[in-house]
Amino acid sequence: MELCIWYNWSVWGNCDVTCGSGTRTKTRTCSVADSCTGDAIQTESCSNGICPVNGMWGNWTPWSACSPTCGDSGGSQTRSRSCDNPAPSTDGKDCVGLVSDTQSCRHKPNVHTPVCK
């Protein structure tokens, strides 16, 4: 029967995450496969800093009232939203898209609209 000898531990491997908390391992081998007692792998916690948080849009506000108008040109109304669901942090990306939106609106038919002066 051969004598089991553990070889030296390897260096710690890289953390398994690019940010946040993860684990890393190191290994060692036995001179006679499967005959050594003890662990061939060790694992420990590691951290690669705080992960960036990309911004996401919050809900749109309700449409504003239709702007005053005269004649048949109609008016407009607006709504807006914020990049706060969540807000970007730790070098995360800003939201992509419109902060505000405008649409035309028409007054209801048969409602008196002032004459333009």
PDB file of N, CA and C in Angstrom:
ATOM      1  N   MET A   1       0.849  -1.185   0.000  1.00  0.00           N
ATOM      2  CA  MET A   1       0.000   0.000   0.000  1.00  0.00           C
ATOM      3  C   MET A   1       0.887   1.238   0.000  1.00  0.00           C
ATOM      4  N   GLU A   2       0.583   2.150  -0.930  1.00  0.00           N
ATOM      5  CA  GLU A   2       1.381   3.378  -1.028  1.00  0.00           C
ATOM      6  C   GLU A   2       0.960   4.365   0.040  1.00  0.00           C
ATOM      7  N   LEU A   3       1.885   5.157   0.480  1.00  0.00           N
ATOM      8  CA  LEU A   3       1.629   6.196   1.459  1.00  0.00           C
ATOM      9  C   LEU A   3       1.017   7.398   0.756  1.00  0.00           C
ATOM     10  N   CYS A   4      -0.058   7.921   1.311  1.00  0.00           N
ATOM     11  CA  CYS A   4      -0.726   9.093   0.736  1.00  0.00           C
ATOM     12  C   CYS A   4       0.042  10.344   1.119  1.00  0.00           C
ATOM     13  N   ILE A   5       0.310  11.174   0.145  1.00  0.00           N
ATOM     14  CA  ILE A   5       0.964  12.468   0.393  1.00  0.00           C
ATOM     15  C   ILE A   5       0.154  13.548  -0.303  1.00  0.00           C
ATOM     16  N   TRP A   6      -0.233  14.570   0.467  1.00  0.00           N
ATOM     17  CA  TRP A   6      -0.907  15.735  -0.113  1.00  0.00           C
ATOM     18  C   TRP A   6       0.157  16.672  -0.683  1.00  0.00           C
ATOM     19  N   TYR A   7      -0.062  17.113  -1.900  1.00  0.00           N
ATOM     20  CA  TYR A   7       0.816  18.126  -2.481  1.00  0.00           C
ATOM     21  C   TYR A   7       0.364  19.501  -1.990  1.00  0.00           C
ATOM     22  N   ASN A   8       1.177  20.511  -2.212  1.00  0.00           N
ATOM     23  CA  ASN A   8       0.865  21.867  -1.732  1.00  0.00           C
ATOM     24  C   ASN A   8      -0.427  22.397  -2.346  1.00  0.00           C
ATOM     25  N   TRP A   9      -1.050  23.268  -1.575  1.00  0.00           N
ATOM     26  CA  TRP A   9      -2.258  23.937  -2.055  1.00  0.00           C
ATOM     27  C   TRP A   9      -1.911  24.843  -3.233  1.00  0.00           C
ATOM     28  N   SER A  10      -2.820  24.939  -4.168  1.00  0.00           N
ATOM     29  CA  SER A  10      -2.672  25.918  -5.260  1.00  0.00           C
ATOM     30  C   SER A  10      -2.884  27.313  -4.677  1.00  0.00           C
ATOM     31  N   VAL A  11      -2.615  28.313  -5.465  1.00  0.00           N
ATOM     32  CA  VAL A  11      -2.948  29.683  -5.038  1.00  0.00           C
ATOM     33  C   VAL A  11      -4.459  29.839  -5.132  1.00  0.00           C
ATOM     34  N   TRP A  12      -4.997  30.818  -4.405  1.00  0.00           N
ATOM     35  CA  TRP A  12      -6.432  31.063  -4.475  1.00  0.00           C
ATOM     36  C   TRP A  12      -6.811  31.462  -5.893  1.00  0.00           C
ATOM     37  N   GLY A  13      -7.901  30.921  -6.400  1.00  0.00           N
ATOM     38  CA  GLY A  13      -8.425  31.301  -7.705  1.00  0.00           C
ATOM     39  C   GLY A  13      -9.096  32.661  -7.625  1.00  0.00           C
ATOM     40  N   ASN A  14      -9.536  33.150  -8.759  1.00  0.00           N
ATOM     41  CA  ASN A  14     -10.246  34.430  -8.816  1.00  0.00           C
ATOM     42  C   ASN A  14     -11.618  34.306  -8.174  1.00  0.00           C
ATOM     43  N   CYS A  15     -12.105  35.420  -7.699  1.00  0.00           N
ATOM     44  CA  CYS A  15     -13.463  35.484  -7.178  1.00  0.00           C
ATOM     45  C   CYS A  15     -14.416  35.165  -8.327  1.00  0.00           C
ATOM     46  N   ASP A  16     -15.483  34.417  -8.042  1.00  0.00           N
ATOM     47  CA  ASP A  16     -16.377  33.974  -9.119  1.00  0.00           C
ATOM     48  C   ASP A  16     -17.405  35.021  -9.544  1.00  0.00           C
ATOM     49  N   VAL A  17     -17.304  36.237  -9.027  1.00  0.00           N
ATOM     50  CA  VAL A  17     -18.180  37.327  -9.443  1.00  0.00           C
ATOM     51  C   VAL A  17     -17.329  38.546  -9.786  1.00  0.00           C
ATOM     52  N   THR A  18     -17.833  39.402 -10.668  1.00  0.00           N
ATOM     53  CA  THR A  18     -17.098  40.619 -11.027  1.00  0.00           C
ATOM     54  C   THR A  18     -17.401  41.765 -10.082  1.00  0.00           C
ATOM     55  N   CYS A  19     -18.506  41.673  -9.341  1.00  0.00           N
ATOM     56  CA  CYS A  19     -18.834  42.650  -8.316  1.00  0.00           C
ATOM     57  C   CYS A  19     -19.712  41.972  -7.284  1.00  0.00           C
ATOM     58  N   GLY A  20     -19.731  42.516  -6.097  1.00  0.00           N
ATOM     59  CA  GLY A  20     -20.535  41.917  -5.036  1.00  0.00           C
ATOM     60  C   GLY A  20     -19.807  40.776  -4.355  1.00  0.00           C
ATOM     61  N   SER A  21     -20.553  39.970  -3.610  1.00  0.00           N
ATOM     62  CA  SER A  21     -19.984  38.871  -2.840  1.00  0.00           C
ATOM     63  C   SER A  21     -20.031  37.570  -3.617  1.00  0.00           C
ATOM     64  N   GLY A  22     -18.949  36.820  -3.516  1.00  0.00           N
ATOM     65  CA  GLY A  22     -18.871  35.533  -4.193  1.00  0.00           C
ATOM     66  C   GLY A  22     -17.969  34.591  -3.428  1.00  0.00           C
ATOM     67  N   THR A  23     -17.411  33.609  -4.127  1.00  0.00           N
ATOM     68  CA  THR A  23     -16.490  32.657  -3.516  1.00  0.00           C
ATOM     69  C   THR A  23     -15.291  32.433  -4.414  1.00  0.00           C
ATOM     70  N   ARG A  24     -14.227  31.956  -3.797  1.00  0.00           N
ATOM     71  CA  ARG A  24     -13.052  31.561  -4.551  1.00  0.00           C
ATOM     72  C   ARG A  24     -12.528  30.268  -3.927  1.00  0.00           C
ATOM     73  N   THR A  25     -11.760  29.496  -4.690  1.00  0.00           N
ATOM     74  CA  THR A  25     -11.293  28.198  -4.220  1.00  0.00           C
ATOM     75  C   THR A  25      -9.805  28.010  -4.471  1.00  0.00           C
ATOM     76  N   LYS A  26      -9.267  27.057  -3.735  1.00  0.00           N
ATOM     77  CA  LYS A  26      -7.921  26.566  -4.008  1.00  0.00           C
ATOM     78  C   LYS A  26      -7.979  25.050  -3.878  1.00  0.00           C
ATOM     79  N   THR A  27      -7.055  24.373  -4.538  1.00  0.00           N
ATOM     80  CA  THR A  27      -7.078  22.913  -4.573  1.00  0.00           C
ATOM     81  C   THR A  27      -5.710  22.333  -4.255  1.00  0.00           C
ATOM     82  N   ARG A  28      -5.719  21.049  -3.945  1.00  0.00           N
ATOM     83  CA  ARG A  28      -4.484  20.289  -3.781  1.00  0.00           C
ATOM     84  C   ARG A  28      -4.760  18.877  -4.261  1.00  0.00           C
ATOM     85  N   THR A  29      -3.728  18.179  -4.606  1.00  0.00           N
ATOM     86  CA  THR A  29      -3.893  16.808  -5.094  1.00  0.00           C
ATOM     87  C   THR A  29      -3.168  15.838  -4.171  1.00  0.00           C
ATOM     88  N   CYS A  30      -3.621  14.614  -4.248  1.00  0.00           N
ATOM     89  CA  CYS A  30      -3.081  13.533  -3.440  1.00  0.00           C
ATOM     90  C   CYS A  30      -2.191  12.661  -4.320  1.00  0.00           C
ATOM     91  N   SER A  31      -1.108  12.145  -3.738  1.00  0.00           N
ATOM     92  CA  SER A  31      -0.172  11.316  -4.505  1.00  0.00           C
ATOM     93  C   SER A  31      -0.797   9.994  -4.953  1.00  0.00           C
ATOM     94  N   VAL A  32      -1.795   9.532  -4.211  1.00  0.00           N
ATOM     95  CA  VAL A  32      -2.484   8.300  -4.574  1.00  0.00           C
ATOM     96  C   VAL A  32      -3.969   8.636  -4.649  1.00  0.00           C
ATOM     97  N   ALA A  33      -4.518   8.633  -5.836  1.00  0.00           N
ATOM     98  CA  ALA A  33      -5.899   9.088  -6.059  1.00  0.00           C
ATOM     99  C   ALA A  33      -6.870   8.438  -5.086  1.00  0.00           C
ATOM    100  N   ASP A  34      -7.735   9.251  -4.510  1.00  0.00           N
ATOM    101  CA  ASP A  34      -8.826   8.827  -3.628  1.00  0.00           C
ATOM    102  C   ASP A  34      -8.378   8.109  -2.356  1.00  0.00           C
ATOM    103  N   SER A  35      -7.114   8.169  -1.985  1.00  0.00           N
ATOM    104  CA  SER A  35      -6.705   7.456  -0.776  1.00  0.00           C
ATOM    105  C   SER A  35      -6.335   8.385   0.377  1.00  0.00           C
ATOM    106  N   CYS A  36      -6.224   9.684   0.146  1.00  0.00           N
ATOM    107  CA  CYS A  36      -5.878  10.616   1.220  1.00  0.00           C
ATOM    108  C   CYS A  36      -7.138  11.038   1.961  1.00  0.00           C
ATOM    109  N   THR A  37      -7.009  11.256   3.245  1.00  0.00           N
ATOM    110  CA  THR A  37      -8.130  11.789   4.003  1.00  0.00           C
ATOM    111  C   THR A  37      -7.960  13.300   4.103  1.00  0.00           C
ATOM    112  N   GLY A  38      -9.063  14.000   4.124  1.00  0.00           N
ATOM    113  CA  GLY A  38      -9.027  15.452   4.173  1.00  0.00           C
ATOM    114  C   GLY A  38      -9.608  16.033   2.903  1.00  0.00           C
ATOM    115  N   ASP A  39      -9.647  17.342   2.860  1.00  0.00           N
ATOM    116  CA  ASP A  39     -10.255  18.047   1.731  1.00  0.00           C
ATOM    117  C   ASP A  39      -9.244  18.318   0.623  1.00  0.00           C
ATOM    118  N   ALA A  40      -9.701  18.165  -0.602  1.00  0.00           N
ATOM    119  CA  ALA A  40      -8.889  18.500  -1.765  1.00  0.00           C
ATOM    120  C   ALA A  40      -9.216  19.906  -2.273  1.00  0.00           C
ATOM    121  N   ILE A  41     -10.318  20.472  -1.779  1.00  0.00           N
ATOM    122  CA  ILE A  41     -10.755  21.809  -2.203  1.00  0.00           C
ATOM    123  C   ILE A  41     -11.091  22.629  -0.964  1.00  0.00           C
ATOM    124  N   GLN A  42     -10.645  23.870  -0.939  1.00  0.00           N
ATOM    125  CA  GLN A  42     -11.053  24.816   0.094  1.00  0.00           C
ATOM    126  C   GLN A  42     -11.744  25.989  -0.586  1.00  0.00           C
ATOM    127  N   THR A  43     -12.780  26.481   0.053  1.00  0.00           N
ATOM    128  CA  THR A  43     -13.550  27.599  -0.480  1.00  0.00           C
ATOM    129  C   THR A  43     -13.636  28.684   0.573  1.00  0.00           C
ATOM    130  N   GLU A  44     -13.559  29.948   0.126  1.00  0.00           N
ATOM    131  CA  GLU A  44     -13.745  31.070   1.043  1.00  0.00           C
ATOM    132  C   GLU A  44     -14.535  32.164   0.347  1.00  0.00           C
ATOM    133  N   SER A  45     -15.120  33.034   1.155  1.00  0.00           N
ATOM    134  CA  SER A  45     -15.876  34.173   0.625  1.00  0.00           C
ATOM    135  C   SER A  45     -14.919  35.210   0.062  1.00  0.00           C
ATOM    136  N   CYS A  46     -15.384  35.941  -0.930  1.00  0.00           N
ATOM    137  CA  CYS A  46     -14.609  37.036  -1.508  1.00  0.00           C
ATOM    138  C   CYS A  46     -15.569  38.140  -1.919  1.00  0.00           C
ATOM    139  N   SER A  47     -15.034  39.318  -2.160  1.00  0.00           N
ATOM    140  CA  SER A  47     -15.861  40.446  -2.577  1.00  0.00           C
ATOM    141  C   SER A  47     -15.105  41.272  -3.599  1.00  0.00           C
ATOM    142  N   ASN A  48     -15.816  41.699  -4.628  1.00  0.00           N
ATOM    143  CA  ASN A  48     -15.228  42.560  -5.652  1.00  0.00           C
ATOM    144  C   ASN A  48     -15.929  43.909  -5.698  1.00  0.00           C
ATOM    145  N   GLY A  49     -16.215  44.462  -4.550  1.00  0.00           N
ATOM    146  CA  GLY A  49     -16.809  45.797  -4.487  1.00  0.00           C
ATOM    147  C   GLY A  49     -18.297  45.782  -4.758  1.00  0.00           C
ATOM    148  N   ILE A  50     -18.873  46.962  -4.688  1.00  0.00           N
ATOM    149  CA  ILE A  50     -20.311  47.125  -4.871  1.00  0.00           C
ATOM    150  C   ILE A  50     -20.651  47.104  -6.356  1.00  0.00           C
ATOM    151  N   CYS A  51     -21.705  46.401  -6.699  1.00  0.00           N
ATOM    152  CA  CYS A  51     -22.130  46.312  -8.099  1.00  0.00           C
ATOM    153  C   CYS A  51     -22.790  47.616  -8.541  1.00  0.00           C
ATOM    154  N   PRO A  52     -22.556  48.036  -9.795  1.00  0.00           N
ATOM    155  CA  PRO A  52     -23.261  49.206 -10.311  1.00  0.00           C
ATOM    156  C   PRO A  52     -24.756  48.912 -10.435  1.00  0.00           C
ATOM    157  N   VAL A  53     -25.558  49.945 -10.246  1.00  0.00           N
ATOM    158  CA  VAL A  53     -27.009  49.821 -10.395  1.00  0.00           C
ATOM    159  C   VAL A  53     -27.428  50.714 -11.555  1.00  0.00           C
ATOM    160  N   ASN A  54     -27.967  50.117 -12.603  1.00  0.00           N
ATOM    161  CA  ASN A  54     -28.459  50.886 -13.747  1.00  0.00           C
ATOM    162  C   ASN A  54     -29.815  51.492 -13.407  1.00  0.00           C
ATOM    163  N   GLY A  55     -30.031  52.720 -13.862  1.00  0.00           N
ATOM    164  CA  GLY A  55     -31.300  53.399 -13.622  1.00  0.00           C
ATOM    165  C   GLY A  55     -32.427  52.796 -14.436  1.00  0.00           C
ATOM    166  N   MET A  56     -33.614  52.849 -13.868  1.00  0.00           N
ATOM    167  CA  MET A  56     -34.824  52.397 -14.560  1.00  0.00           C
ATOM    168  C   MET A  56     -35.892  53.472 -14.388  1.00  0.00           C
ATOM    169  N   TRP A  57     -36.734  53.620 -15.382  1.00  0.00           N
ATOM    170  CA  TRP A  57     -37.767  54.645 -15.352  1.00  0.00           C
ATOM    171  C   TRP A  57     -38.838  54.335 -14.325  1.00  0.00           C
ATOM    172  N   GLY A  58     -39.304  55.372 -13.648  1.00  0.00           N
ATOM    173  CA  GLY A  58     -40.493  55.286 -12.813  1.00  0.00           C
ATOM    174  C   GLY A  58     -41.721  55.430 -13.696  1.00  0.00           C
ATOM    175  N   ASN A  59     -42.891  55.413 -13.102  1.00  0.00           N
ATOM    176  CA  ASN A  59     -44.144  55.536 -13.856  1.00  0.00           C
ATOM    177  C   ASN A  59     -44.314  56.939 -14.431  1.00  0.00           C
ATOM    178  N   TRP A  60     -45.014  57.022 -15.538  1.00  0.00           N
ATOM    179  CA  TRP A  60     -45.370  58.312 -16.123  1.00  0.00           C
ATOM    180  C   TRP A  60     -46.355  59.016 -15.191  1.00  0.00           C
ATOM    181  N   THR A  61     -46.249  60.332 -15.108  1.00  0.00           N
ATOM    182  CA  THR A  61     -47.278  61.096 -14.406  1.00  0.00           C
ATOM    183  C   THR A  61     -48.528  61.088 -15.277  1.00  0.00           C
ATOM    184  N   PRO A  62     -49.687  61.410 -14.716  1.00  0.00           N
ATOM    185  CA  PRO A  62     -50.890  61.509 -15.559  1.00  0.00           C
ATOM    186  C   PRO A  62     -50.710  62.647 -16.579  1.00  0.00           C
ATOM    187  N   TRP A  63     -51.423  62.566 -17.688  1.00  0.00           N
ATOM    188  CA  TRP A  63     -51.379  63.635 -18.690  1.00  0.00           C
ATOM    189  C   TRP A  63     -51.885  64.925 -18.051  1.00  0.00           C
ATOM    190  N   SER A  64     -51.247  66.025 -18.398  1.00  0.00           N
ATOM    191  CA  SER A  64     -51.712  67.328 -17.911  1.00  0.00           C
ATOM    192  C   SER A  64     -53.018  67.683 -18.610  1.00  0.00           C
ATOM    193  N   ALA A  65     -53.664  68.723 -18.113  1.00  0.00           N
ATOM    194  CA  ALA A  65     -54.854  69.220 -18.787  1.00  0.00           C
ATOM    195  C   ALA A  65     -54.445  69.738 -20.159  1.00  0.00           C
ATOM    196  N   CYS A  66     -55.372  69.724 -21.074  1.00  0.00           N
ATOM    197  CA  CYS A  66     -55.098  70.224 -22.414  1.00  0.00           C
ATOM    198  C   CYS A  66     -54.844  71.732 -22.323  1.00  0.00           C
ATOM    199  N   SER A  67     -53.807  72.204 -23.010  1.00  0.00           N
ATOM    200  CA  SER A  67     -53.483  73.626 -22.945  1.00  0.00           C
ATOM    201  C   SER A  67     -54.597  74.443 -23.584  1.00  0.00           C
ATOM    202  N   PRO A  68     -54.775  75.679 -23.109  1.00  0.00           N
ATOM    203  CA  PRO A  68     -55.816  76.523 -23.703  1.00  0.00           C
ATOM    204  C   PRO A  68     -55.547  76.716 -25.193  1.00  0.00           C
ATOM    205  N   THR A  69     -56.606  76.802 -25.943  1.00  0.00           N
ATOM    206  CA  THR A  69     -56.449  76.974 -27.380  1.00  0.00           C
ATOM    207  C   THR A  69     -57.616  77.784 -27.915  1.00  0.00           C
ATOM    208  N   CYS A  70     -57.465  78.210 -29.130  1.00  0.00           N
ATOM    209  CA  CYS A  70     -58.558  78.880 -29.801  1.00  0.00           C
ATOM    210  C   CYS A  70     -58.664  78.327 -31.214  1.00  0.00           C
ATOM    211  N   GLY A  71     -59.777  78.485 -31.819  1.00  0.00           N
ATOM    212  CA  GLY A  71     -59.951  77.973 -33.177  1.00  0.00           C
ATOM    213  C   GLY A  71     -59.943  76.455 -33.189  1.00  0.00           C
ATOM    214  N   ASP A  72     -59.546  75.902 -34.310  1.00  0.00           N
ATOM    215  CA  ASP A  72     -59.545  74.447 -34.466  1.00  0.00           C
ATOM    216  C   ASP A  72     -58.163  73.823 -34.331  1.00  0.00           C
ATOM    217  N   SER A  73     -57.187  74.595 -33.873  1.00  0.00           N
ATOM    218  CA  SER A  73     -55.813  74.077 -33.845  1.00  0.00           C
ATOM    219  C   SER A  73     -55.589  73.040 -32.754  1.00  0.00           C
ATOM    220  N   GLY A  74     -56.451  72.955 -31.773  1.00  0.00           N
ATOM    221  CA  GLY A  74     -56.253  72.007 -30.686  1.00  0.00           C
ATOM    222  C   GLY A  74     -55.189  72.507 -29.739  1.00  0.00           C
ATOM    223  N   GLY A  75     -54.941  71.767 -28.728  1.00  0.00           N
ATOM    224  CA  GLY A  75     -53.933  72.143 -27.745  1.00  0.00           C
ATOM    225  C   GLY A  75     -52.967  70.997 -27.565  1.00  0.00           C
ATOM    226  N   SER A  76     -52.246  71.037 -26.473  1.00  0.00           N
ATOM    227  CA  SER A  76     -51.325  69.939 -26.198  1.00  0.00           C
ATOM    228  C   SER A  76     -51.344  69.640 -24.708  1.00  0.00           C
ATOM    229  N   GLN A  77     -50.897  68.443 -24.392  1.00  0.00           N
ATOM    230  CA  GLN A  77     -50.781  68.042 -22.996  1.00  0.00           C
ATOM    231  C   GLN A  77     -49.476  67.273 -22.833  1.00  0.00           C
ATOM    232  N   THR A  78     -48.956  67.293 -21.611  1.00  0.00           N
ATOM    233  CA  THR A  78     -47.664  66.673 -21.362  1.00  0.00           C
ATOM    234  C   THR A  78     -47.743  65.723 -20.170  1.00  0.00           C
ATOM    235  N   ARG A  79     -46.729  64.874 -20.094  1.00  0.00           N
ATOM    236  CA  ARG A  79     -46.533  64.008 -18.944  1.00  0.00           C
ATOM    237  C   ARG A  79     -45.024  63.823 -18.783  1.00  0.00           C
ATOM    238  N   SER A  80     -44.600  63.369 -17.611  1.00  0.00           N
ATOM    239  CA  SER A  80     -43.164  63.185 -17.374  1.00  0.00           C
ATOM    240  C   SER A  80     -42.935  61.959 -16.495  1.00  0.00           C
ATOM    241  N   ARG A  81     -41.672  61.586 -16.404  1.00  0.00           N
ATOM    242  CA  ARG A  81     -41.274  60.460 -15.556  1.00  0.00           C
ATOM    243  C   ARG A  81     -39.856  60.714 -15.056  1.00  0.00           C
ATOM    244  N   SER A  82     -39.464  60.001 -14.045  1.00  0.00           N
ATOM    245  CA  SER A  82     -38.136  60.172 -13.450  1.00  0.00           C
ATOM    246  C   SER A  82     -37.352  58.867 -13.522  1.00  0.00           C
ATOM    247  N   CYS A  83     -36.056  59.022 -13.594  1.00  0.00           N
ATOM    248  CA  CYS A  83     -35.146  57.867 -13.614  1.00  0.00           C
ATOM    249  C   CYS A  83     -34.830  57.527 -12.153  1.00  0.00           C
ATOM    250  N   ASP A  84     -35.808  56.894 -11.477  1.00  0.00           N
ATOM    251  CA  ASP A  84     -35.661  56.679 -10.035  1.00  0.00           C
ATOM    252  C   ASP A  84     -36.221  55.338  -9.559  1.00  0.00           C
ATOM    253  N   ASN A  85     -36.286  54.354 -10.444  1.00  0.00           N
ATOM    254  CA  ASN A  85     -36.915  53.094 -10.074  1.00  0.00           C
ATOM    255  C   ASN A  85     -36.058  51.876 -10.430  1.00  0.00           C
ATOM    256  N   PRO A  86     -34.824  51.775 -10.007  1.00  0.00           N
ATOM    257  CA  PRO A  86     -34.079  52.639  -9.083  1.00  0.00           C
ATOM    258  C   PRO A  86     -33.319  53.720  -9.842  1.00  0.00           C
ATOM    259  N   ALA A  87     -32.802  54.673  -9.087  1.00  0.00           N
ATOM    260  CA  ALA A  87     -31.902  55.685  -9.659  1.00  0.00           C
ATOM    261  C   ALA A  87     -30.540  55.032  -9.894  1.00  0.00           C
ATOM    262  N   PRO A  88     -29.800  55.471 -10.913  1.00  0.00           N
ATOM    263  CA  PRO A  88     -28.476  54.884 -11.135  1.00  0.00           C
ATOM    264  C   PRO A  88     -27.548  55.205  -9.963  1.00  0.00           C
ATOM    265  N   SER A  89     -26.691  54.239  -9.618  1.00  0.00           N
ATOM    266  CA  SER A  89     -25.701  54.467  -8.565  1.00  0.00           C
ATOM    267  C   SER A  89     -24.474  53.601  -8.806  1.00  0.00           C
ATOM    268  N   THR A  90     -23.398  53.942  -8.150  1.00  0.00           N
ATOM    269  CA  THR A  90     -22.137  53.206  -8.224  1.00  0.00           C
ATOM    270  C   THR A  90     -21.709  52.985  -9.675  1.00  0.00           C
ATOM    271  N   ASP A  91     -21.670  54.060 -10.441  1.00  0.00           N
ATOM    272  CA  ASP A  91     -21.274  54.024 -11.857  1.00  0.00           C
ATOM    273  C   ASP A  91     -22.255  53.267 -12.750  1.00  0.00           C
ATOM    274  N   GLY A  92     -23.496  53.108 -12.309  1.00  0.00           N
ATOM    275  CA  GLY A  92     -24.512  52.486 -13.152  1.00  0.00           C
ATOM    276  C   GLY A  92     -24.952  53.439 -14.247  1.00  0.00           C
ATOM    277  N   LYS A  93     -25.596  52.906 -15.269  1.00  0.00           N
ATOM    278  CA  LYS A  93     -26.013  53.699 -16.432  1.00  0.00           C
ATOM    279  C   LYS A  93     -27.297  54.468 -16.148  1.00  0.00           C
ATOM    280  N   ASP A  94     -27.392  55.649 -16.765  1.00  0.00           N
ATOM    281  CA  ASP A  94     -28.611  56.451 -16.709  1.00  0.00           C
ATOM    282  C   ASP A  94     -29.703  55.787 -17.545  1.00  0.00           C
ATOM    283  N   CYS A  95     -30.934  56.166 -17.289  1.00  0.00           N
ATOM    284  CA  CYS A  95     -32.061  55.677 -18.092  1.00  0.00           C
ATOM    285  C   CYS A  95     -31.914  56.191 -19.525  1.00  0.00           C
ATOM    286  N   VAL A  96     -32.420  55.424 -20.463  1.00  0.00           N
ATOM    287  CA  VAL A  96     -32.401  55.817 -21.867  1.00  0.00           C
ATOM    288  C   VAL A  96     -33.847  56.079 -22.282  1.00  0.00           C
ATOM    289  N   GLY A  97     -34.080  57.204 -22.922  1.00  0.00           N
ATOM    290  CA  GLY A  97     -35.422  57.513 -23.389  1.00  0.00           C
ATOM    291  C   GLY A  97     -35.848  58.902 -22.965  1.00  0.00           C
ATOM    292  N   LEU A  98     -37.109  59.196 -23.191  1.00  0.00           N
ATOM    293  CA  LEU A  98     -37.655  60.521 -22.937  1.00  0.00           C
ATOM    294  C   LEU A  98     -38.012  60.733 -21.477  1.00  0.00           C
ATOM    295  N   VAL A  99     -37.681  61.919 -20.966  1.00  0.00           N
ATOM    296  CA  VAL A  99     -38.087  62.319 -19.620  1.00  0.00           C
ATOM    297  C   VAL A  99     -39.512  62.855 -19.660  1.00  0.00           C
ATOM    298  N   SER A 100     -39.856  63.511 -20.759  1.00  0.00           N
ATOM    299  CA  SER A 100     -41.210  64.047 -20.897  1.00  0.00           C
ATOM    300  C   SER A 100     -41.759  63.700 -22.268  1.00  0.00           C
ATOM    301  N   ASP A 101     -43.074  63.768 -22.367  1.00  0.00           N
ATOM    302  CA  ASP A 101     -43.774  63.393 -23.586  1.00  0.00           C
ATOM    303  C   ASP A 101     -44.897  64.399 -23.801  1.00  0.00           C
ATOM    304  N   THR A 102     -45.140  64.760 -25.038  1.00  0.00           N
ATOM    305  CA  THR A 102     -46.199  65.716 -25.372  1.00  0.00           C
ATOM    306  C   THR A 102     -47.068  65.112 -26.460  1.00  0.00           C
ATOM    307  N   GLN A 103     -48.357  65.330 -26.348  1.00  0.00           N
ATOM    308  CA  GLN A 103     -49.267  64.899 -27.411  1.00  0.00           C
ATOM    309  C   GLN A 103     -50.278  66.009 -27.662  1.00  0.00           C
ATOM    310  N   SER A 104     -50.803  66.016 -28.875  1.00  0.00           N
ATOM    311  CA  SER A 104     -51.825  67.013 -29.179  1.00  0.00           C
ATOM    312  C   SER A 104     -53.159  66.510 -28.641  1.00  0.00           C
ATOM    313  N   CYS A 105     -54.012  67.449 -28.358  1.00  0.00           N
ATOM    314  CA  CYS A 105     -55.351  67.089 -27.894  1.00  0.00           C
ATOM    315  C   CYS A 105     -56.341  68.024 -28.567  1.00  0.00           C
ATOM    316  N   ARG A 106     -57.503  67.550 -28.745  1.00  0.00           N
ATOM    317  CA  ARG A 106     -58.569  68.326 -29.363  1.00  0.00           C
ATOM    318  C   ARG A 106     -59.668  68.497 -28.333  1.00  0.00           C
ATOM    319  N   HIS A 107     -60.258  69.675 -28.377  1.00  0.00           N
ATOM    320  CA  HIS A 107     -61.401  69.882 -27.498  1.00  0.00           C
ATOM    321  C   HIS A 107     -62.575  69.096 -28.050  1.00  0.00           C
ATOM    322  N   LYS A 108     -63.500  68.756 -27.190  1.00  0.00           N
ATOM    323  CA  LYS A 108     -64.642  67.950 -27.595  1.00  0.00           C
ATOM    324  C   LYS A 108     -65.488  68.691 -28.633  1.00  0.00           C
ATOM    325  N   PRO A 109     -66.045  67.946 -29.574  1.00  0.00           N
ATOM    326  CA  PRO A 109     -66.930  68.577 -30.565  1.00  0.00           C
ATOM    327  C   PRO A 109     -68.138  69.213 -29.870  1.00  0.00           C
ATOM    328  N   ASN A 110     -68.669  70.177 -30.502  1.00  0.00           N
ATOM    329  CA  ASN A 110     -69.843  70.891 -30.013  1.00  0.00           C
ATOM    330  C   ASN A 110     -69.583  71.685 -28.738  1.00  0.00           C
ATOM    331  N   VAL A 111     -68.319  71.874 -28.420  1.00  0.00           N
ATOM    332  CA  VAL A 111     -67.976  72.737 -27.278  1.00  0.00           C
ATOM    333  C   VAL A 111     -67.435  74.029 -27.866  1.00  0.00           C
ATOM    334  N   HIS A 112     -67.915  75.152 -27.361  1.00  0.00           N
ATOM    335  CA  HIS A 112     -67.497  76.444 -27.911  1.00  0.00           C
ATOM    336  C   HIS A 112     -65.997  76.669 -27.681  1.00  0.00           C
ATOM    337  N   THR A 113     -65.251  76.892 -28.764  1.00  0.00           N
ATOM    338  CA  THR A 113     -63.834  77.193 -28.687  1.00  0.00           C
ATOM    339  C   THR A 113     -63.676  78.664 -29.047  1.00  0.00           C
ATOM    340  N   PRO A 114     -62.977  79.434 -28.210  1.00  0.00           N
ATOM    341  CA  PRO A 114     -62.842  80.874 -28.490  1.00  0.00           C
ATOM    342  C   PRO A 114     -62.249  81.123 -29.875  1.00  0.00           C
ATOM    343  N   VAL A 115     -62.654  82.216 -30.471  1.00  0.00           N
ATOM    344  CA  VAL A 115     -62.111  82.629 -31.773  1.00  0.00           C
ATOM    345  C   VAL A 115     -60.731  83.206 -31.532  1.00  0.00           C
ATOM    346  N   CYS A 116     -59.787  82.852 -32.390  1.00  0.00           N
ATOM    347  CA  CYS A 116     -58.417  83.371 -32.256  1.00  0.00           C
ATOM    348  C   CYS A 116     -58.403  84.851 -32.596  1.00  0.00           C
ATOM    349  N   LYS A 117     -57.681  85.664 -31.847  1.00  0.00           N
ATOM    350  CA  LYS A 117     -57.609  87.109 -32.113  1.00  0.00           C
ATOM    351  C   LYS A 117     -56.228  87.486 -32.519  1.00  0.00           C
TER     352      LYS A 117
END
